[in-house]
Structures are given as structure tokens and as C-alpha cells.
PDB file of N, CA and C in Angstrom:
ATOM      1  N   UNK A   1     -25.925  -7.655   5.753  1.00  0.00           N
ATOM      2  CA  UNK A   1     -24.920  -6.724   6.080  1.00  0.00           C
ATOM      3  C   UNK A   1     -23.832  -6.788   5.043  1.00  0.00           C
ATOM      4  N   UNK A   2     -23.374  -5.677   4.531  1.00  0.00           N
ATOM      5  CA  UNK A   2     -22.326  -5.588   3.558  1.00  0.00           C
ATOM      6  C   UNK A   2     -21.026  -5.816   4.198  1.00  0.00           C
ATOM      7  N   UNK A   3     -20.156  -6.636   3.567  1.00  0.00           N
ATOM      8  CA  UNK A   3     -18.784  -6.914   4.035  1.00  0.00           C
ATOM      9  C   UNK A   3     -17.906  -6.784   2.851  1.00  0.00           C
ATOM     10  N   UNK A   4     -16.597  -6.428   3.102  1.00  0.00           N
ATOM     11  CA  UNK A   4     -15.545  -6.394   2.086  1.00  0.00           C
ATOM     12  C   UNK A   4     -14.522  -7.454   2.375  1.00  0.00           C
ATOM     13  N   UNK A   5     -14.128  -8.166   1.323  1.00  0.00           N
ATOM     14  CA  UNK A   5     -13.095  -9.222   1.482  1.00  0.00           C
ATOM     15  C   UNK A   5     -11.995  -8.930   0.462  1.00  0.00           C
ATOM     16  N   UNK A   6     -10.871  -9.493   0.793  1.00  0.00           N
ATOM     17  CA  UNK A   6      -9.703  -9.481  -0.155  1.00  0.00           C
ATOM     18  C   UNK A   6      -9.525 -10.870  -0.750  1.00  0.00           C
ATOM     19  N   UNK A   7      -9.406 -10.913  -2.070  1.00  0.00           N
ATOM     20  CA  UNK A   7      -9.085 -12.141  -2.803  1.00  0.00           C
ATOM     21  C   UNK A   7      -7.741 -11.912  -3.421  1.00  0.00           C
ATOM     22  N   UNK A   8      -6.762 -12.663  -3.004  1.00  0.00           N
ATOM     23  CA  UNK A   8      -5.398 -12.420  -3.494  1.00  0.00           C
ATOM     24  C   UNK A   8      -4.792 -11.277  -2.772  1.00  0.00           C
ATOM     25  N   UNK A   9      -3.856 -10.568  -3.385  1.00  0.00           N
ATOM     26  CA  UNK A   9      -3.173  -9.494  -2.716  1.00  0.00           C
ATOM     27  C   UNK A   9      -3.720  -8.150  -3.065  1.00  0.00           C
ATOM     28  N   UNK A  10      -4.533  -7.969  -4.103  1.00  0.00           N
ATOM     29  CA  UNK A  10      -5.008  -6.636  -4.430  1.00  0.00           C
ATOM     30  C   UNK A  10      -6.410  -6.577  -5.024  1.00  0.00           C
ATOM     31  N   UNK A  11      -7.176  -7.672  -4.993  1.00  0.00           N
ATOM     32  CA  UNK A  11      -8.513  -7.673  -5.531  1.00  0.00           C
ATOM     33  C   UNK A  11      -9.465  -7.733  -4.295  1.00  0.00           C
ATOM     34  N   UNK A  12     -10.403  -6.726  -4.242  1.00  0.00           N
ATOM     35  CA  UNK A  12     -11.371  -6.709  -3.138  1.00  0.00           C
ATOM     36  C   UNK A  12     -12.744  -6.873  -3.761  1.00  0.00           C
ATOM     37  N   UNK A  13     -13.634  -7.459  -2.922  1.00  0.00           N
ATOM     38  CA  UNK A  13     -15.041  -7.719  -3.354  1.00  0.00           C
ATOM     39  C   UNK A  13     -15.894  -7.237  -2.237  1.00  0.00           C
ATOM     40  N   UNK A  14     -16.988  -6.546  -2.499  1.00  0.00           N
ATOM     41  CA  UNK A  14     -17.958  -6.156  -1.470  1.00  0.00           C
ATOM     42  C   UNK A  14     -19.268  -6.775  -1.798  1.00  0.00           C
ATOM     43  N   UNK A  15     -19.832  -7.390  -0.797  1.00  0.00           N
ATOM     44  CA  UNK A  15     -21.139  -8.092  -1.022  1.00  0.00           C
ATOM     45  C   UNK A  15     -21.831  -8.324   0.323  1.00  0.00           C
ATOM     46  N   UNK A  16     -22.954  -9.041   0.231  1.00  0.00           N
ATOM     47  CA  UNK A  16     -23.771  -9.414   1.397  1.00  0.00           C
ATOM     48  C   UNK A  16     -23.096 -10.606   2.097  1.00  0.00           C
ATOM     49  N   UNK A  17     -22.943 -10.461   3.412  1.00  0.00           N
ATOM     50  CA  UNK A  17     -22.356 -11.582   4.202  1.00  0.00           C
ATOM     51  C   UNK A  17     -23.187 -12.853   4.089  1.00  0.00           C
ATOM     52  N   UNK A  18     -22.512 -14.034   3.825  1.00  0.00           N
ATOM     53  CA  UNK A  18     -23.188 -15.287   3.696  1.00  0.00           C
ATOM     54  C   UNK A  18     -22.887 -16.141   4.926  1.00  0.00           C
ATOM     55  N   UNK A  19     -21.567 -16.387   5.192  1.00  0.00           N
ATOM     56  CA  UNK A  19     -21.130 -17.176   6.331  1.00  0.00           C
ATOM     57  C   UNK A  19     -19.672 -17.024   6.599  1.00  0.00           C
ATOM     58  N   UNK A  20     -19.272 -17.432   7.813  1.00  0.00           N
ATOM     59  CA  UNK A  20     -17.839 -17.449   8.236  1.00  0.00           C
ATOM     60  C   UNK A  20     -17.379 -18.857   7.980  1.00  0.00           C
ATOM     61  N   UNK A  21     -16.210 -18.970   7.450  1.00  0.00           N
ATOM     62  CA  UNK A  21     -15.550 -20.263   7.182  1.00  0.00           C
ATOM     63  C   UNK A  21     -14.617 -20.668   8.277  1.00  0.00           C
ATOM     64  N   UNK A  22     -14.372 -21.960   8.476  1.00  0.00           N
ATOM     65  CA  UNK A  22     -13.558 -22.424   9.622  1.00  0.00           C
ATOM     66  C   UNK A  22     -12.120 -21.912   9.565  1.00  0.00           C
ATOM     67  N   UNK A  23     -11.590 -21.568   8.422  1.00  0.00           N
ATOM     68  CA  UNK A  23     -10.213 -21.102   8.269  1.00  0.00           C
ATOM     69  C   UNK A  23     -10.020 -19.600   8.492  1.00  0.00           C
ATOM     70  N   UNK A  24     -11.154 -18.854   8.878  1.00  0.00           N
ATOM     71  CA  UNK A  24     -10.997 -17.465   9.133  1.00  0.00           C
ATOM     72  C   UNK A  24     -11.481 -16.603   7.993  1.00  0.00           C
ATOM     73  N   UNK A  25     -11.692 -17.133   6.830  1.00  0.00           N
ATOM     74  CA  UNK A  25     -12.242 -16.396   5.686  1.00  0.00           C
ATOM     75  C   UNK A  25     -13.760 -16.249   5.875  1.00  0.00           C
ATOM     76  N   UNK A  26     -14.319 -15.338   5.109  1.00  0.00           N
ATOM     77  CA  UNK A  26     -15.753 -15.210   5.146  1.00  0.00           C
ATOM     78  C   UNK A  26     -16.244 -15.276   3.661  1.00  0.00           C
ATOM     79  N   UNK A  27     -17.483 -15.614   3.446  1.00  0.00           N
ATOM     80  CA  UNK A  27     -18.128 -15.693   2.120  1.00  0.00           C
ATOM     81  C   UNK A  27     -19.147 -14.558   2.019  1.00  0.00           C
ATOM     82  N   UNK A  28     -19.126 -13.914   0.811  1.00  0.00           N
ATOM     83  CA  UNK A  28     -20.054 -12.861   0.515  1.00  0.00           C
ATOM     84  C   UNK A  28     -20.747 -13.147  -0.814  1.00  0.00           C
ATOM     85  N   UNK A  29     -21.944 -12.719  -0.979  1.00  0.00           N
ATOM     86  CA  UNK A  29     -22.760 -12.901  -2.189  1.00  0.00           C
ATOM     87  C   UNK A  29     -22.819 -11.646  -2.977  1.00  0.00           C
ATOM     88  N   UNK A  30     -22.517 -11.710  -4.287  1.00  0.00           N
ATOM     89  CA  UNK A  30     -22.626 -10.574  -5.199  1.00  0.00           C
ATOM     90  C   UNK A  30     -23.525 -11.100  -6.345  1.00  0.00           C
ATOM     91  N   UNK A  31     -24.775 -10.726  -6.392  1.00  0.00           N
ATOM     92  CA  UNK A  31     -25.671 -11.242  -7.336  1.00  0.00           C
ATOM     93  C   UNK A  31     -25.919 -12.718  -7.086  1.00  0.00           C
ATOM     94  N   UNK A  32     -25.623 -13.614  -8.073  1.00  0.00           N
ATOM     95  CA  UNK A  32     -25.787 -15.044  -7.839  1.00  0.00           C
ATOM     96  C   UNK A  32     -24.431 -15.708  -7.468  1.00  0.00           C
ATOM     97  N   UNK A  33     -23.342 -14.927  -7.487  1.00  0.00           N
ATOM     98  CA  UNK A  33     -22.030 -15.593  -7.186  1.00  0.00           C
ATOM     99  C   UNK A  33     -21.671 -15.355  -5.743  1.00  0.00           C
ATOM    100  N   UNK A  34     -20.951 -16.364  -5.178  1.00  0.00           N
ATOM    101  CA  UNK A  34     -20.500 -16.307  -3.829  1.00  0.00           C
ATOM    102  C   UNK A  34     -18.946 -16.328  -3.862  1.00  0.00           C
ATOM    103  N   UNK A  35     -18.336 -15.357  -3.171  1.00  0.00           N
ATOM    104  CA  UNK A  35     -16.868 -15.269  -3.186  1.00  0.00           C
ATOM    105  C   UNK A  35     -16.385 -15.484  -1.724  1.00  0.00           C
ATOM    106  N   UNK A  36     -15.256 -16.108  -1.523  1.00  0.00           N
ATOM    107  CA  UNK A  36     -14.635 -16.299  -0.200  1.00  0.00           C
ATOM    108  C   UNK A  36     -13.322 -15.615  -0.190  1.00  0.00           C
ATOM    109  N   UNK A  37     -13.012 -14.969   0.930  1.00  0.00           N
ATOM    110  CA  UNK A  37     -11.698 -14.290   1.065  1.00  0.00           C
ATOM    111  C   UNK A  37     -11.544 -13.796   2.479  1.00  0.00           C
ATOM    112  N   UNK A  38     -10.356 -13.123   2.722  1.00  0.00           N
ATOM    113  CA  UNK A  38     -10.072 -12.593   4.007  1.00  0.00           C
ATOM    114  C   UNK A  38     -10.826 -11.311   4.243  1.00  0.00           C
ATOM    115  N   UNK A  39     -11.424 -11.167   5.430  1.00  0.00           N
ATOM    116  CA  UNK A  39     -12.190  -9.934   5.699  1.00  0.00           C
ATOM    117  C   UNK A  39     -11.280  -8.736   5.821  1.00  0.00           C
ATOM    118  N   UNK A  40     -11.706  -7.633   5.320  1.00  0.00           N
ATOM    119  CA  UNK A  40     -10.948  -6.351   5.400  1.00  0.00           C
ATOM    120  C   UNK A  40     -11.206  -5.701   6.750  1.00  0.00           C
ATOM    121  N   UNK A  41     -10.177  -5.269   7.441  1.00  0.00           N
ATOM    122  CA  UNK A  41     -10.310  -4.633   8.729  1.00  0.00           C
ATOM    123  C   UNK A  41     -11.126  -3.301   8.557  1.00  0.00           C
ATOM    124  N   UNK A  42     -11.894  -3.016   9.559  1.00  0.00           N
ATOM    125  CA  UNK A  42     -12.742  -1.786   9.569  1.00  0.00           C
ATOM    126  C   UNK A  42     -11.913  -0.529   9.948  1.00  0.00           C
ATOM    127  N   UNK A  43     -10.715  -0.754  10.399  1.00  0.00           N
ATOM    128  CA  UNK A  43      -9.834   0.383  10.838  1.00  0.00           C
ATOM    129  C   UNK A  43      -9.396   1.226   9.634  1.00  0.00           C
ATOM    130  N   UNK A  44      -9.392   2.546   9.784  1.00  0.00           N
ATOM    131  CA  UNK A  44      -8.916   3.423   8.668  1.00  0.00           C
ATOM    132  C   UNK A  44      -7.409   3.271   8.518  1.00  0.00           C
ATOM    133  N   UNK A  45      -6.946   3.449   7.269  1.00  0.00           N
ATOM    134  CA  UNK A  45      -5.514   3.416   6.956  1.00  0.00           C
ATOM    135  C   UNK A  45      -4.811   4.599   7.534  1.00  0.00           C
ATOM    136  N   UNK A  46      -3.589   4.339   7.985  1.00  0.00           N
ATOM    137  CA  UNK A  46      -2.749   5.451   8.541  1.00  0.00           C
ATOM    138  C   UNK A  46      -2.345   6.411   7.393  1.00  0.00           C
ATOM    139  N   UNK A  47      -2.316   7.682   7.700  1.00  0.00           N
ATOM    140  CA  UNK A  47      -1.913   8.696   6.695  1.00  0.00           C
ATOM    141  C   UNK A  47      -0.461   8.889   6.575  1.00  0.00           C
TER     142      UNK A  47
END
């Protein structure tokens, strides 16, 4: 399943879900690299 995470304040990464971390972050795989960050909410942004 594809998930999007935030790394820092303005960098986002989309990849395949790997695992949930104890601190609330999730890990996603992009190719051979694994990134961890805060999950992006699925709610649409207010206009």
C-alpha cells in the first residue's frame, strides 16, 4: 500500500508502507531506500 510521509517541514516522500514505528512515525520503501517520517493525513486541504 502506498503511503505519503513528511520528512522535516516541507519534504514529502511517497512509497510502499514498511512498518509503523513506536513514536508514531511510519517507514516507507522507495526502491532500495527506507525513509521514516510523519504520515500525511488523508483529509483534503481546506480551500
